[in-house]
Amino acid sequence: MGQSSDDLKPDQRSFTRVPTKNFVAYEVPDDNPGFYRLGLTKSLSKGGLSFEIDHSFPPGKLLRFQFNLEDELIEAHGVVLYSLERIPGSFDVGIKFMDIPEHDAESLEAWFRRHGGTSSPAA
């Protein structure tokens, strides 16, 4: 099955993760542009996020997604790093951010300052 970034020791991760529970809307631009599905975020870092959905994606699949952080709607593109079936029909998907508009990146940075995420890699 492979190892998810959630299974890594903190010193192996690039960024500190903050647990979150927010809806995330995502689309696969190459397969079905304009068709969004919903998932639920599990954790968020400055490098990406993990969320739970009812199917898997192969590593390398590009996604476009939107999620709320308090009053802000964050939009980004990312690449799937892993999909792991935790229980039958429920997959944890790890995404690495690839492209975030500057305003959304600033909002994300401010959210991390308020919620304990650090800019530097986890130690």
PDB file of N, CA and C in Angstrom:
ATOM      1  N   MET A   1       0.795  -1.200   0.000  1.00  0.00           N
ATOM      2  CA  MET A   1       0.000   0.000   0.000  1.00  0.00           C
ATOM      3  C   MET A   1       0.832   1.255   0.000  1.00  0.00           C
ATOM      4  N   GLY A   2       1.969   1.255   0.595  1.00  0.00           N
ATOM      5  CA  GLY A   2       2.795   2.452   0.627  1.00  0.00           C
ATOM      6  C   GLY A   2       2.597   3.217   1.905  1.00  0.00           C
ATOM      7  N   GLN A   3       3.435   4.185   2.086  1.00  0.00           N
ATOM      8  CA  GLN A   3       3.442   4.972   3.309  1.00  0.00           C
ATOM      9  C   GLN A   3       2.886   6.353   3.025  1.00  0.00           C
ATOM     10  N   SER A   4       1.924   6.787   3.843  1.00  0.00           N
ATOM     11  CA  SER A   4       1.401   8.133   3.688  1.00  0.00           C
ATOM     12  C   SER A   4       2.275   9.101   4.454  1.00  0.00           C
ATOM     13  N   SER A   5       2.146  10.373   4.132  1.00  0.00           N
ATOM     14  CA  SER A   5       2.920  11.357   4.883  1.00  0.00           C
ATOM     15  C   SER A   5       2.424  11.448   6.316  1.00  0.00           C
ATOM     16  N   ASP A   6       1.177  11.023   6.601  1.00  0.00           N
ATOM     17  CA  ASP A   6       0.684  11.010   7.975  1.00  0.00           C
ATOM     18  C   ASP A   6       1.393   9.951   8.803  1.00  0.00           C
ATOM     19  N   ASP A   7       1.939   8.916   8.142  1.00  0.00           N
ATOM     20  CA  ASP A   7       2.641   7.851   8.840  1.00  0.00           C
ATOM     21  C   ASP A   7       4.103   8.197   9.098  1.00  0.00           C
ATOM     22  N   LEU A   8       4.585   9.283   8.518  1.00  0.00           N
ATOM     23  CA  LEU A   8       5.976   9.664   8.690  1.00  0.00           C
ATOM     24  C   LEU A   8       6.199  10.257  10.068  1.00  0.00           C
ATOM     25  N   LYS A   9       7.399  10.103  10.571  1.00  0.00           N
ATOM     26  CA  LYS A   9       7.771  10.744  11.820  1.00  0.00           C
ATOM     27  C   LYS A   9       7.871  12.244  11.570  1.00  0.00           C
ATOM     28  N   PRO A  10       7.632  13.072  12.610  1.00  0.00           N
ATOM     29  CA  PRO A  10       7.656  14.522  12.395  1.00  0.00           C
ATOM     30  C   PRO A  10       8.926  15.036  11.734  1.00  0.00           C
ATOM     31  N   ASP A  11      10.086  14.441  12.020  1.00  0.00           N
ATOM     32  CA  ASP A  11      11.312  14.951  11.414  1.00  0.00           C
ATOM     33  C   ASP A  11      11.447  14.564   9.948  1.00  0.00           C
ATOM     34  N   GLN A  12      10.532  13.733   9.418  1.00  0.00           N
ATOM     35  CA  GLN A  12      10.555  13.363   8.011  1.00  0.00           C
ATOM     36  C   GLN A  12       9.607  14.225   7.187  1.00  0.00           C
ATOM     37  N   ARG A  13       8.769  15.020   7.838  1.00  0.00           N
ATOM     38  CA  ARG A  13       7.799  15.858   7.144  1.00  0.00           C
ATOM     39  C   ARG A  13       8.415  17.207   6.812  1.00  0.00           C
ATOM     40  N   SER A  14       7.932  17.803   5.742  1.00  0.00           N
ATOM     41  CA  SER A  14       8.434  19.107   5.338  1.00  0.00           C
ATOM     42  C   SER A  14       7.833  20.235   6.160  1.00  0.00           C
ATOM     43  N   PHE A  15       6.559  20.101   6.560  1.00  0.00           N
ATOM     44  CA  PHE A  15       5.866  21.164   7.282  1.00  0.00           C
ATOM     45  C   PHE A  15       5.032  20.575   8.417  1.00  0.00           C
ATOM     46  N   THR A  16       4.808  21.392   9.424  1.00  0.00           N
ATOM     47  CA  THR A  16       3.930  21.016  10.526  1.00  0.00           C
ATOM     48  C   THR A  16       2.502  20.889  10.018  1.00  0.00           C
ATOM     49  N   ARG A  17       1.794  19.860  10.459  1.00  0.00           N
ATOM     50  CA  ARG A  17       0.399  19.668  10.084  1.00  0.00           C
ATOM     51  C   ARG A  17      -0.506  20.141  11.209  1.00  0.00           C
ATOM     52  N   VAL A  18      -1.623  20.733  10.802  1.00  0.00           N
ATOM     53  CA  VAL A  18      -2.640  21.183  11.746  1.00  0.00           C
ATOM     54  C   VAL A  18      -3.919  20.421  11.414  1.00  0.00           C
ATOM     55  N   PRO A  19      -4.492  19.703  12.395  1.00  0.00           N
ATOM     56  CA  PRO A  19      -5.748  18.995  12.139  1.00  0.00           C
ATOM     57  C   PRO A  19      -6.862  19.975  11.758  1.00  0.00           C
ATOM     58  N   THR A  20      -7.649  19.616  10.771  1.00  0.00           N
ATOM     59  CA  THR A  20      -8.775  20.443  10.330  1.00  0.00           C
ATOM     60  C   THR A  20      -9.949  19.548   9.967  1.00  0.00           C
ATOM     61  N   LYS A  21     -11.123  20.103  10.024  1.00  0.00           N
ATOM     62  CA  LYS A  21     -12.338  19.432   9.552  1.00  0.00           C
ATOM     63  C   LYS A  21     -13.129  20.458   8.757  1.00  0.00           C
ATOM     64  N   ASN A  22     -12.865  20.502   7.465  1.00  0.00           N
ATOM     65  CA  ASN A  22     -13.546  21.418   6.556  1.00  0.00           C
ATOM     66  C   ASN A  22     -13.919  20.663   5.293  1.00  0.00           C
ATOM     67  N   PHE A  23     -14.992  21.095   4.664  1.00  0.00           N
ATOM     68  CA  PHE A  23     -15.307  20.521   3.364  1.00  0.00           C
ATOM     69  C   PHE A  23     -14.298  21.009   2.346  1.00  0.00           C
ATOM     70  N   VAL A  24     -13.946  20.135   1.420  1.00  0.00           N
ATOM     71  CA  VAL A  24     -13.095  20.494   0.299  1.00  0.00           C
ATOM     72  C   VAL A  24     -13.832  20.070  -0.973  1.00  0.00           C
ATOM     73  N   ALA A  25     -13.922  20.982  -1.927  1.00  0.00           N
ATOM     74  CA  ALA A  25     -14.502  20.681  -3.239  1.00  0.00           C
ATOM     75  C   ALA A  25     -13.338  20.502  -4.198  1.00  0.00           C
ATOM     76  N   TYR A  26     -13.351  19.418  -4.955  1.00  0.00           N
ATOM     77  CA  TYR A  26     -12.231  19.144  -5.850  1.00  0.00           C
ATOM     78  C   TYR A  26     -12.731  18.674  -7.205  1.00  0.00           C
ATOM     79  N   GLU A  27     -11.908  18.956  -8.206  1.00  0.00           N
ATOM     80  CA  GLU A  27     -12.188  18.482  -9.561  1.00  0.00           C
ATOM     81  C   GLU A  27     -10.906  17.915 -10.152  1.00  0.00           C
ATOM     82  N   VAL A  28     -11.073  17.072 -11.146  1.00  0.00           N
ATOM     83  CA  VAL A  28      -9.944  16.533 -11.901  1.00  0.00           C
ATOM     84  C   VAL A  28     -10.003  17.197 -13.269  1.00  0.00           C
ATOM     85  N   PRO A  29      -9.227  18.280 -13.458  1.00  0.00           N
ATOM     86  CA  PRO A  29      -9.351  19.060 -14.698  1.00  0.00           C
ATOM     87  C   PRO A  29      -9.114  18.252 -15.967  1.00  0.00           C
ATOM     88  N   ASP A  30      -8.231  17.262 -15.923  1.00  0.00           N
ATOM     89  CA  ASP A  30      -7.931  16.482 -17.125  1.00  0.00           C
ATOM     90  C   ASP A  30      -9.027  15.483 -17.467  1.00  0.00           C
ATOM     91  N   ASP A  31      -9.788  15.044 -16.469  1.00  0.00           N
ATOM     92  CA  ASP A  31     -10.784  14.000 -16.694  1.00  0.00           C
ATOM     93  C   ASP A  31     -12.209  14.525 -16.816  1.00  0.00           C
ATOM     94  N   ASN A  32     -12.573  15.467 -15.962  1.00  0.00           N
ATOM     95  CA  ASN A  32     -13.951  15.928 -15.918  1.00  0.00           C
ATOM     96  C   ASN A  32     -13.998  17.390 -15.475  1.00  0.00           C
ATOM     97  N   PRO A  33     -13.523  18.315 -16.317  1.00  0.00           N
ATOM     98  CA  PRO A  33     -13.476  19.714 -15.905  1.00  0.00           C
ATOM     99  C   PRO A  33     -14.854  20.257 -15.563  1.00  0.00           C
ATOM    100  N   GLY A  34     -14.909  21.043 -14.491  1.00  0.00           N
ATOM    101  CA  GLY A  34     -16.154  21.662 -14.079  1.00  0.00           C
ATOM    102  C   GLY A  34     -17.017  20.801 -13.175  1.00  0.00           C
ATOM    103  N   PHE A  35     -16.673  19.528 -12.999  1.00  0.00           N
ATOM    104  CA  PHE A  35     -17.438  18.635 -12.131  1.00  0.00           C
ATOM    105  C   PHE A  35     -16.706  18.507 -10.799  1.00  0.00           C
ATOM    106  N   TYR A  36     -17.309  19.059  -9.755  1.00  0.00           N
ATOM    107  CA  TYR A  36     -16.699  19.026  -8.430  1.00  0.00           C
ATOM    108  C   TYR A  36     -17.339  17.954  -7.561  1.00  0.00           C
ATOM    109  N   ARG A  37     -16.502  17.331  -6.739  1.00  0.00           N
ATOM    110  CA  ARG A  37     -16.961  16.389  -5.726  1.00  0.00           C
ATOM    111  C   ARG A  37     -16.512  16.918  -4.374  1.00  0.00           C
ATOM    112  N   LEU A  38     -17.085  16.382  -3.307  1.00  0.00           N
ATOM    113  CA  LEU A  38     -16.768  16.858  -1.968  1.00  0.00           C
ATOM    114  C   LEU A  38     -16.001  15.831  -1.163  1.00  0.00           C
ATOM    115  N   GLY A  39     -15.125  16.330  -0.303  1.00  0.00           N
ATOM    116  CA  GLY A  39     -14.407  15.526   0.667  1.00  0.00           C
ATOM    117  C   GLY A  39     -14.332  16.307   1.970  1.00  0.00           C
ATOM    118  N   LEU A  40     -13.674  15.729   2.963  1.00  0.00           N
ATOM    119  CA  LEU A  40     -13.519  16.354   4.266  1.00  0.00           C
ATOM    120  C   LEU A  40     -12.039  16.389   4.617  1.00  0.00           C
ATOM    121  N   THR A  41     -11.523  17.599   4.880  1.00  0.00           N
ATOM    122  CA  THR A  41     -10.111  17.710   5.209  1.00  0.00           C
ATOM    123  C   THR A  41      -9.821  17.018   6.540  1.00  0.00           C
ATOM    124  N   LYS A  42      -8.602  16.501   6.649  1.00  0.00           N
ATOM    125  CA  LYS A  42      -8.125  15.877   7.882  1.00  0.00           C
ATOM    126  C   LYS A  42      -7.012  16.709   8.504  1.00  0.00           C
ATOM    127  N   SER A  43      -6.098  17.179   7.664  1.00  0.00           N
ATOM    128  CA  SER A  43      -5.012  18.019   8.155  1.00  0.00           C
ATOM    129  C   SER A  43      -4.555  18.939   7.034  1.00  0.00           C
ATOM    130  N   LEU A  44      -3.905  20.014   7.468  1.00  0.00           N
ATOM    131  CA  LEU A  44      -3.453  21.034   6.544  1.00  0.00           C
ATOM    132  C   LEU A  44      -2.042  21.448   6.934  1.00  0.00           C
ATOM    133  N   SER A  45      -1.196  21.617   5.940  1.00  0.00           N
ATOM    134  CA  SER A  45       0.141  22.159   6.174  1.00  0.00           C
ATOM    135  C   SER A  45       0.396  23.198   5.095  1.00  0.00           C
ATOM    136  N   LYS A  46       1.490  23.911   5.214  1.00  0.00           N
ATOM    137  CA  LYS A  46       1.809  24.904   4.192  1.00  0.00           C
ATOM    138  C   LYS A  46       2.189  24.240   2.877  1.00  0.00           C
ATOM    139  N   GLY A  47       2.507  22.963   2.917  1.00  0.00           N
ATOM    140  CA  GLY A  47       2.882  22.252   1.707  1.00  0.00           C
ATOM    141  C   GLY A  47       1.759  21.486   1.051  1.00  0.00           C
ATOM    142  N   GLY A  48       0.631  21.312   1.772  1.00  0.00           N
ATOM    143  CA  GLY A  48      -0.454  20.541   1.204  1.00  0.00           C
ATOM    144  C   GLY A  48      -1.529  20.225   2.224  1.00  0.00           C
ATOM    145  N   LEU A  49      -2.370  19.266   1.885  1.00  0.00           N
ATOM    146  CA  LEU A  49      -3.442  18.870   2.784  1.00  0.00           C
ATOM    147  C   LEU A  49      -3.753  17.399   2.594  1.00  0.00           C
ATOM    148  N   SER A  50      -4.431  16.841   3.574  1.00  0.00           N
ATOM    149  CA  SER A  50      -4.976  15.498   3.414  1.00  0.00           C
ATOM    150  C   SER A  50      -6.478  15.592   3.622  1.00  0.00           C
ATOM    151  N   PHE A  51      -7.206  14.790   2.862  1.00  0.00           N
ATOM    152  CA  PHE A  51      -8.648  14.778   3.005  1.00  0.00           C
ATOM    153  C   PHE A  51      -9.180  13.377   2.760  1.00  0.00           C
ATOM    154  N   GLU A  52     -10.404  13.168   3.201  1.00  0.00           N
ATOM    155  CA  GLU A  52     -11.048  11.856   3.125  1.00  0.00           C
ATOM    156  C   GLU A  52     -12.138  11.886   2.059  1.00  0.00           C
ATOM    157  N   ILE A  53     -12.124  10.851   1.189  1.00  0.00           N
ATOM    158  CA  ILE A  53     -13.129  10.712   0.139  1.00  0.00           C
ATOM    159  C   ILE A  53     -13.475   9.241  -0.025  1.00  0.00           C
ATOM    160  N   ASP A  54     -14.395   8.941  -0.942  1.00  0.00           N
ATOM    161  CA  ASP A  54     -14.878   7.568  -1.096  1.00  0.00           C
ATOM    162  C   ASP A  54     -14.220   6.802  -2.248  1.00  0.00           C
ATOM    163  N   HIS A  55     -13.128   7.310  -2.790  1.00  0.00           N
ATOM    164  CA  HIS A  55     -12.417   6.626  -3.875  1.00  0.00           C
ATOM    165  C   HIS A  55     -10.945   7.039  -3.838  1.00  0.00           C
ATOM    166  N   SER A  56     -10.143   6.387  -4.636  1.00  0.00           N
ATOM    167  CA  SER A  56      -8.706   6.702  -4.635  1.00  0.00           C
ATOM    168  C   SER A  56      -8.314   7.419  -5.925  1.00  0.00           C
ATOM    169  N   PHE A  57      -7.128   8.007  -5.884  1.00  0.00           N
ATOM    170  CA  PHE A  57      -6.495   8.600  -7.049  1.00  0.00           C
ATOM    171  C   PHE A  57      -5.088   8.036  -7.140  1.00  0.00           C
ATOM    172  N   PRO A  58      -4.563   7.872  -8.345  1.00  0.00           N
ATOM    173  CA  PRO A  58      -3.174   7.429  -8.452  1.00  0.00           C
ATOM    174  C   PRO A  58      -2.215   8.572  -8.109  1.00  0.00           C
ATOM    175  N   PRO A  59      -1.072   8.266  -7.530  1.00  0.00           N
ATOM    176  CA  PRO A  59      -0.072   9.312  -7.296  1.00  0.00           C
ATOM    177  C   PRO A  59       0.244  10.027  -8.612  1.00  0.00           C
ATOM    178  N   GLY A  60       0.403  11.339  -8.512  1.00  0.00           N
ATOM    179  CA  GLY A  60       0.699  12.140  -9.696  1.00  0.00           C
ATOM    180  C   GLY A  60      -0.515  12.780 -10.340  1.00  0.00           C
ATOM    181  N   LYS A  61      -1.724  12.367  -9.953  1.00  0.00           N
ATOM    182  CA  LYS A  61      -2.948  12.938 -10.533  1.00  0.00           C
ATOM    183  C   LYS A  61      -3.071  14.395 -10.095  1.00  0.00           C
ATOM    184  N   LEU A  62      -3.361  15.272 -11.042  1.00  0.00           N
ATOM    185  CA  LEU A  62      -3.524  16.700 -10.747  1.00  0.00           C
ATOM    186  C   LEU A  62      -4.978  16.995 -10.389  1.00  0.00           C
ATOM    187  N   LEU A  63      -5.161  17.787  -9.321  1.00  0.00           N
ATOM    188  CA  LEU A  63      -6.485  18.178  -8.874  1.00  0.00           C
ATOM    189  C   LEU A  63      -6.549  19.691  -8.708  1.00  0.00           C
ATOM    190  N   ARG A  64      -7.723  20.232  -8.879  1.00  0.00           N
ATOM    191  CA  ARG A  64      -8.009  21.625  -8.542  1.00  0.00           C
ATOM    192  C   ARG A  64      -9.006  21.551  -7.402  1.00  0.00           C
ATOM    193  N   PHE A  65      -8.804  22.372  -6.374  1.00  0.00           N
ATOM    194  CA  PHE A  65      -9.693  22.272  -5.216  1.00  0.00           C
ATOM    195  C   PHE A  65      -9.893  23.615  -4.549  1.00  0.00           C
ATOM    196  N   GLN A  66     -10.949  23.648  -3.741  1.00  0.00           N
ATOM    197  CA  GLN A  66     -11.314  24.818  -2.962  1.00  0.00           C
ATOM    198  C   GLN A  66     -11.701  24.344  -1.567  1.00  0.00           C
ATOM    199  N   PHE A  67     -11.306  25.128  -0.550  1.00  0.00           N
ATOM    200  CA  PHE A  67     -11.730  24.823   0.817  1.00  0.00           C
ATOM    201  C   PHE A  67     -11.783  26.121   1.609  1.00  0.00           C
ATOM    202  N   ASN A  68     -12.599  26.125   2.650  1.00  0.00           N
ATOM    203  CA  ASN A  68     -12.738  27.304   3.493  1.00  0.00           C
ATOM    204  C   ASN A  68     -11.807  27.218   4.683  1.00  0.00           C
ATOM    205  N   LEU A  69     -11.207  28.342   5.011  1.00  0.00           N
ATOM    206  CA  LEU A  69     -10.487  28.531   6.264  1.00  0.00           C
ATOM    207  C   LEU A  69     -11.126  29.742   6.919  1.00  0.00           C
ATOM    208  N   GLU A  70     -11.963  29.483   7.896  1.00  0.00           N
ATOM    209  CA  GLU A  70     -12.713  30.535   8.556  1.00  0.00           C
ATOM    210  C   GLU A  70     -13.482  31.319   7.496  1.00  0.00           C
ATOM    211  N   ASP A  71     -13.181  32.592   7.273  1.00  0.00           N
ATOM    212  CA  ASP A  71     -13.936  33.421   6.323  1.00  0.00           C
ATOM    213  C   ASP A  71     -13.370  33.385   4.913  1.00  0.00           C
ATOM    214  N   GLU A  72     -12.272  32.697   4.699  1.00  0.00           N
ATOM    215  CA  GLU A  72     -11.567  32.736   3.419  1.00  0.00           C
ATOM    216  C   GLU A  72     -11.815  31.471   2.592  1.00  0.00           C
ATOM    217  N   LEU A  73     -12.062  31.655   1.315  1.00  0.00           N
ATOM    218  CA  LEU A  73     -12.122  30.544   0.375  1.00  0.00           C
ATOM    219  C   LEU A  73     -10.750  30.434  -0.276  1.00  0.00           C
ATOM    220  N   ILE A  74     -10.093  29.302  -0.079  1.00  0.00           N
ATOM    221  CA  ILE A  74      -8.767  29.060  -0.634  1.00  0.00           C
ATOM    222  C   ILE A  74      -8.923  28.201  -1.883  1.00  0.00           C
ATOM    223  N   GLU A  75      -8.300  28.623  -2.967  1.00  0.00           N
ATOM    224  CA  GLU A  75      -8.302  27.849  -4.211  1.00  0.00           C
ATOM    225  C   GLU A  75      -6.869  27.479  -4.536  1.00  0.00           C
ATOM    226  N   ALA A  76      -6.683  26.260  -5.034  1.00  0.00           N
ATOM    227  CA  ALA A  76      -5.324  25.815  -5.344  1.00  0.00           C
ATOM    228  C   ALA A  76      -5.367  24.654  -6.330  1.00  0.00           C
ATOM    229  N   HIS A  77      -4.208  24.384  -6.894  1.00  0.00           N
ATOM    230  CA  HIS A  77      -3.964  23.181  -7.675  1.00  0.00           C
ATOM    231  C   HIS A  77      -2.955  22.349  -6.897  1.00  0.00           C
ATOM    232  N   GLY A  78      -3.086  21.049  -7.008  1.00  0.00           N
ATOM    233  CA  GLY A  78      -2.139  20.187  -6.319  1.00  0.00           C
ATOM    234  C   GLY A  78      -2.008  18.855  -7.009  1.00  0.00           C
ATOM    235  N   VAL A  79      -1.055  18.080  -6.535  1.00  0.00           N
ATOM    236  CA  VAL A  79      -0.789  16.761  -7.085  1.00  0.00           C
ATOM    237  C   VAL A  79      -0.967  15.723  -5.976  1.00  0.00           C
ATOM    238  N   VAL A  80      -1.566  14.609  -6.329  1.00  0.00           N
ATOM    239  CA  VAL A  80      -1.782  13.523  -5.367  1.00  0.00           C
ATOM    240  C   VAL A  80      -0.447  12.864  -5.051  1.00  0.00           C
ATOM    241  N   LEU A  81      -0.149  12.773  -3.758  1.00  0.00           N
ATOM    242  CA  LEU A  81       1.038  12.055  -3.309  1.00  0.00           C
ATOM    243  C   LEU A  81       0.705  10.619  -2.931  1.00  0.00           C
ATOM    244  N   TYR A  82      -0.483  10.419  -2.348  1.00  0.00           N
ATOM    245  CA  TYR A  82      -0.891   9.072  -1.940  1.00  0.00           C
ATOM    246  C   TYR A  82      -2.405   9.002  -1.805  1.00  0.00           C
ATOM    247  N   SER A  83      -2.936   7.794  -1.924  1.00  0.00           N
ATOM    248  CA  SER A  83      -4.325   7.459  -1.592  1.00  0.00           C
ATOM    249  C   SER A  83      -4.274   6.157  -0.829  1.00  0.00           C
ATOM    250  N   LEU A  84      -4.767   6.173   0.396  1.00  0.00           N
ATOM    251  CA  LEU A  84      -4.753   4.974   1.233  1.00  0.00           C
ATOM    252  C   LEU A  84      -6.153   4.651   1.727  1.00  0.00           C
ATOM    253  N   GLU A  85      -6.570   3.407   1.545  1.00  0.00           N
ATOM    254  CA  GLU A  85      -7.868   2.991   2.043  1.00  0.00           C
ATOM    255  C   GLU A  85      -7.714   2.653   3.522  1.00  0.00           C
ATOM    256  N   ARG A  86      -8.293   3.477   4.388  1.00  0.00           N
ATOM    257  CA  ARG A  86      -8.189   3.286   5.840  1.00  0.00           C
ATOM    258  C   ARG A  86      -9.230   2.293   6.339  1.00  0.00           C
ATOM    259  N   ILE A  87     -10.442   2.411   5.815  1.00  0.00           N
ATOM    260  CA  ILE A  87     -11.507   1.447   6.055  1.00  0.00           C
ATOM    261  C   ILE A  87     -12.177   1.235   4.702  1.00  0.00           C
ATOM    262  N   PRO A  88     -12.892   0.127   4.509  1.00  0.00           N
ATOM    263  CA  PRO A  88     -13.505  -0.107   3.202  1.00  0.00           C
ATOM    264  C   PRO A  88     -14.355   1.080   2.743  1.00  0.00           C
ATOM    265  N   GLY A  89     -14.034   1.576   1.566  1.00  0.00           N
ATOM    266  CA  GLY A  89     -14.778   2.675   0.965  1.00  0.00           C
ATOM    267  C   GLY A  89     -14.414   4.059   1.456  1.00  0.00           C
ATOM    268  N   SER A  90     -13.345   4.180   2.249  1.00  0.00           N
ATOM    269  CA  SER A  90     -12.915   5.482   2.760  1.00  0.00           C
ATOM    270  C   SER A  90     -11.411   5.625   2.563  1.00  0.00           C
ATOM    271  N   PHE A  91     -11.033   6.623   1.768  1.00  0.00           N
ATOM    272  CA  PHE A  91      -9.631   6.824   1.404  1.00  0.00           C
ATOM    273  C   PHE A  91      -9.104   8.149   1.951  1.00  0.00           C
ATOM    274  N   ASP A  92      -7.906   8.109   2.485  1.00  0.00           N
ATOM    275  CA  ASP A  92      -7.168   9.322   2.831  1.00  0.00           C
ATOM    276  C   ASP A  92      -6.303   9.662   1.625  1.00  0.00           C
ATOM    277  N   VAL A  93      -6.432  10.890   1.145  1.00  0.00           N
ATOM    278  CA  VAL A  93      -5.687  11.349  -0.018  1.00  0.00           C
ATOM    279  C   VAL A  93      -4.784  12.497   0.421  1.00  0.00           C
ATOM    280  N   GLY A  94      -3.507  12.386   0.113  1.00  0.00           N
ATOM    281  CA  GLY A  94      -2.540  13.428   0.427  1.00  0.00           C
ATOM    282  C   GLY A  94      -2.205  14.228  -0.806  1.00  0.00           C
ATOM    283  N   ILE A  95      -2.277  15.543  -0.684  1.00  0.00           N
ATOM    284  CA  ILE A  95      -2.063  16.466  -1.801  1.00  0.00           C
ATOM    285  C   ILE A  95      -0.891  17.388  -1.496  1.00  0.00           C
ATOM    286  N   LYS A  96      -0.035  17.583  -2.470  1.00  0.00           N
ATOM    287  CA  LYS A  96       1.018  18.593  -2.387  1.00  0.00           C
ATOM    288  C   LYS A  96       0.558  19.797  -3.194  1.00  0.00           C
ATOM    289  N   PHE A  97       0.561  20.988  -2.556  1.00  0.00           N
ATOM    290  CA  PHE A  97       0.181  22.200  -3.275  1.00  0.00           C
ATOM    291  C   PHE A  97       1.172  22.450  -4.411  1.00  0.00           C
ATOM    292  N   MET A  98       0.641  22.799  -5.581  1.00  0.00           N
ATOM    293  CA  MET A  98       1.466  23.117  -6.737  1.00  0.00           C
ATOM    294  C   MET A  98       1.316  24.583  -7.144  1.00  0.00           C
ATOM    295  N   ASP A  99       0.117  25.115  -6.990  1.00  0.00           N
ATOM    296  CA  ASP A  99      -0.144  26.484  -7.419  1.00  0.00           C
ATOM    297  C   ASP A  99      -1.252  27.059  -6.557  1.00  0.00           C
ATOM    298  N   ILE A 100      -0.935  28.170  -5.850  1.00  0.00           N
ATOM    299  CA  ILE A 100      -1.908  28.874  -5.023  1.00  0.00           C
ATOM    300  C   ILE A 100      -1.804  30.357  -5.367  1.00  0.00           C
ATOM    301  N   PRO A 101      -2.923  30.996  -5.685  1.00  0.00           N
ATOM    302  CA  PRO A 101      -2.867  32.436  -5.934  1.00  0.00           C
ATOM    303  C   PRO A 101      -2.259  33.174  -4.731  1.00  0.00           C
ATOM    304  N   GLU A 102      -1.572  34.268  -4.994  1.00  0.00           N
ATOM    305  CA  GLU A 102      -0.853  34.993  -3.944  1.00  0.00           C
ATOM    306  C   GLU A 102      -1.755  35.378  -2.773  1.00  0.00           C
ATOM    307  N   HIS A 103      -2.952  35.887  -3.058  1.00  0.00           N
ATOM    308  CA  HIS A 103      -3.865  36.281  -1.981  1.00  0.00           C
ATOM    309  C   HIS A 103      -4.214  35.082  -1.106  1.00  0.00           C
ATOM    310  N   ASP A 104      -4.474  33.929  -1.729  1.00  0.00           N
ATOM    311  CA  ASP A 104      -4.817  32.732  -0.962  1.00  0.00           C
ATOM    312  C   ASP A 104      -3.618  32.227  -0.163  1.00  0.00           C
ATOM    313  N   ALA A 105      -2.418  32.334  -0.717  1.00  0.00           N
ATOM    314  CA  ALA A 105      -1.211  31.944   0.011  1.00  0.00           C
ATOM    315  C   ALA A 105      -1.026  32.823   1.243  1.00  0.00           C
ATOM    316  N   GLU A 106      -1.311  34.120   1.112  1.00  0.00           N
ATOM    317  CA  GLU A 106      -1.214  35.035   2.251  1.00  0.00           C
ATOM    318  C   GLU A 106      -2.258  34.684   3.310  1.00  0.00           C
ATOM    319  N   SER A 107      -3.472  34.346   2.886  1.00  0.00           N
ATOM    320  CA  SER A 107      -4.521  33.946   3.828  1.00  0.00           C
ATOM    321  C   SER A 107      -4.141  32.665   4.552  1.00  0.00           C
ATOM    322  N   LEU A 108      -3.557  31.736   3.837  1.00  0.00           N
ATOM    323  CA  LEU A 108      -3.107  30.483   4.433  1.00  0.00           C
ATOM    324  C   LEU A 108      -2.013  30.747   5.467  1.00  0.00           C
ATOM    325  N   GLU A 109      -1.071  31.605   5.127  1.00  0.00           N
ATOM    326  CA  GLU A 109       0.008  31.974   6.047  1.00  0.00           C
ATOM    327  C   GLU A 109      -0.555  32.594   7.321  1.00  0.00           C
ATOM    328  N   ALA A 110      -1.516  33.501   7.192  1.00  0.00           N
ATOM    329  CA  ALA A 110      -2.121  34.145   8.360  1.00  0.00           C
ATOM    330  C   ALA A 110      -2.861  33.119   9.210  1.00  0.00           C
ATOM    331  N   TRP A 111      -3.558  32.183   8.581  1.00  0.00           N
ATOM    332  CA  TRP A 111      -4.266  31.138   9.315  1.00  0.00           C
ATOM    333  C   TRP A 111      -3.280  30.292  10.121  1.00  0.00           C
ATOM    334  N   PHE A 112      -2.153  29.949   9.528  1.00  0.00           N
ATOM    335  CA  PHE A 112      -1.153  29.158  10.256  1.00  0.00           C
ATOM    336  C   PHE A 112      -0.578  29.924  11.438  1.00  0.00           C
ATOM    337  N   ARG A 113      -0.384  31.207  11.290  1.00  0.00           N
ATOM    338  CA  ARG A 113       0.110  31.998  12.435  1.00  0.00           C
ATOM    339  C   ARG A 113      -0.885  31.944  13.592  1.00  0.00           C
ATOM    340  N   ARG A 114      -2.178  31.949  13.281  1.00  0.00           N
ATOM    341  CA  ARG A 114      -3.204  31.904  14.327  1.00  0.00           C
ATOM    342  C   ARG A 114      -3.402  30.518  14.910  1.00  0.00           C
ATOM    343  N   HIS A 115      -3.064  29.466  14.151  1.00  0.00           N
ATOM    344  CA  HIS A 115      -3.384  28.100  14.573  1.00  0.00           C
ATOM    345  C   HIS A 115      -2.163  27.222  14.843  1.00  0.00           C
ATOM    346  N   GLY A 116      -1.014  27.819  15.004  1.00  0.00           N
ATOM    347  CA  GLY A 116       0.135  27.051  15.467  1.00  0.00           C
ATOM    348  C   GLY A 116       0.987  26.391  14.415  1.00  0.00           C
ATOM    349  N   GLY A 117       0.673  26.542  13.153  1.00  0.00           N
ATOM    350  CA  GLY A 117       1.558  25.992  12.121  1.00  0.00           C
ATOM    351  C   GLY A 117       2.786  26.877  11.972  1.00  0.00           C
ATOM    352  N   THR A 118       3.896  26.280  11.649  1.00  0.00           N
ATOM    353  CA  THR A 118       5.132  27.051  11.491  1.00  0.00           C
ATOM    354  C   THR A 118       5.529  27.102  10.038  1.00  0.00           C
ATOM    355  N   SER A 119       6.305  28.113   9.691  1.00  0.00           N
ATOM    356  CA  SER A 119       6.794  28.240   8.318  1.00  0.00           C
ATOM    357  C   SER A 119       7.922  27.282   8.033  1.00  0.00           C
ATOM    358  N   SER A 120       8.673  26.954   9.057  1.00  0.00           N
ATOM    359  CA  SER A 120       9.840  26.105   8.850  1.00  0.00           C
ATOM    360  C   SER A 120       9.435  24.634   8.919  1.00  0.00           C
ATOM    361  N   PRO A 121      10.229  23.768   8.330  1.00  0.00           N
ATOM    362  CA  PRO A 121       9.953  22.341   8.420  1.00  0.00           C
ATOM    363  C   PRO A 121       9.884  21.895   9.878  1.00  0.00           C
ATOM    364  N   ALA A 122       9.090  20.854  10.105  1.00  0.00           N
ATOM    365  CA  ALA A 122       8.945  20.308  11.458  1.00  0.00           C
ATOM    366  C   ALA A 122      10.270  19.740  11.939  1.00  0.00           C
ATOM    367  N   ALA A 123      10.527  19.872  13.214  1.00  0.00           N
ATOM    368  CA  ALA A 123      11.772  19.354  13.783  1.00  0.00           C
ATOM    369  C   ALA A 123      11.523  18.128  14.614  1.00  0.00           C
TER     370      ALA A 123
END
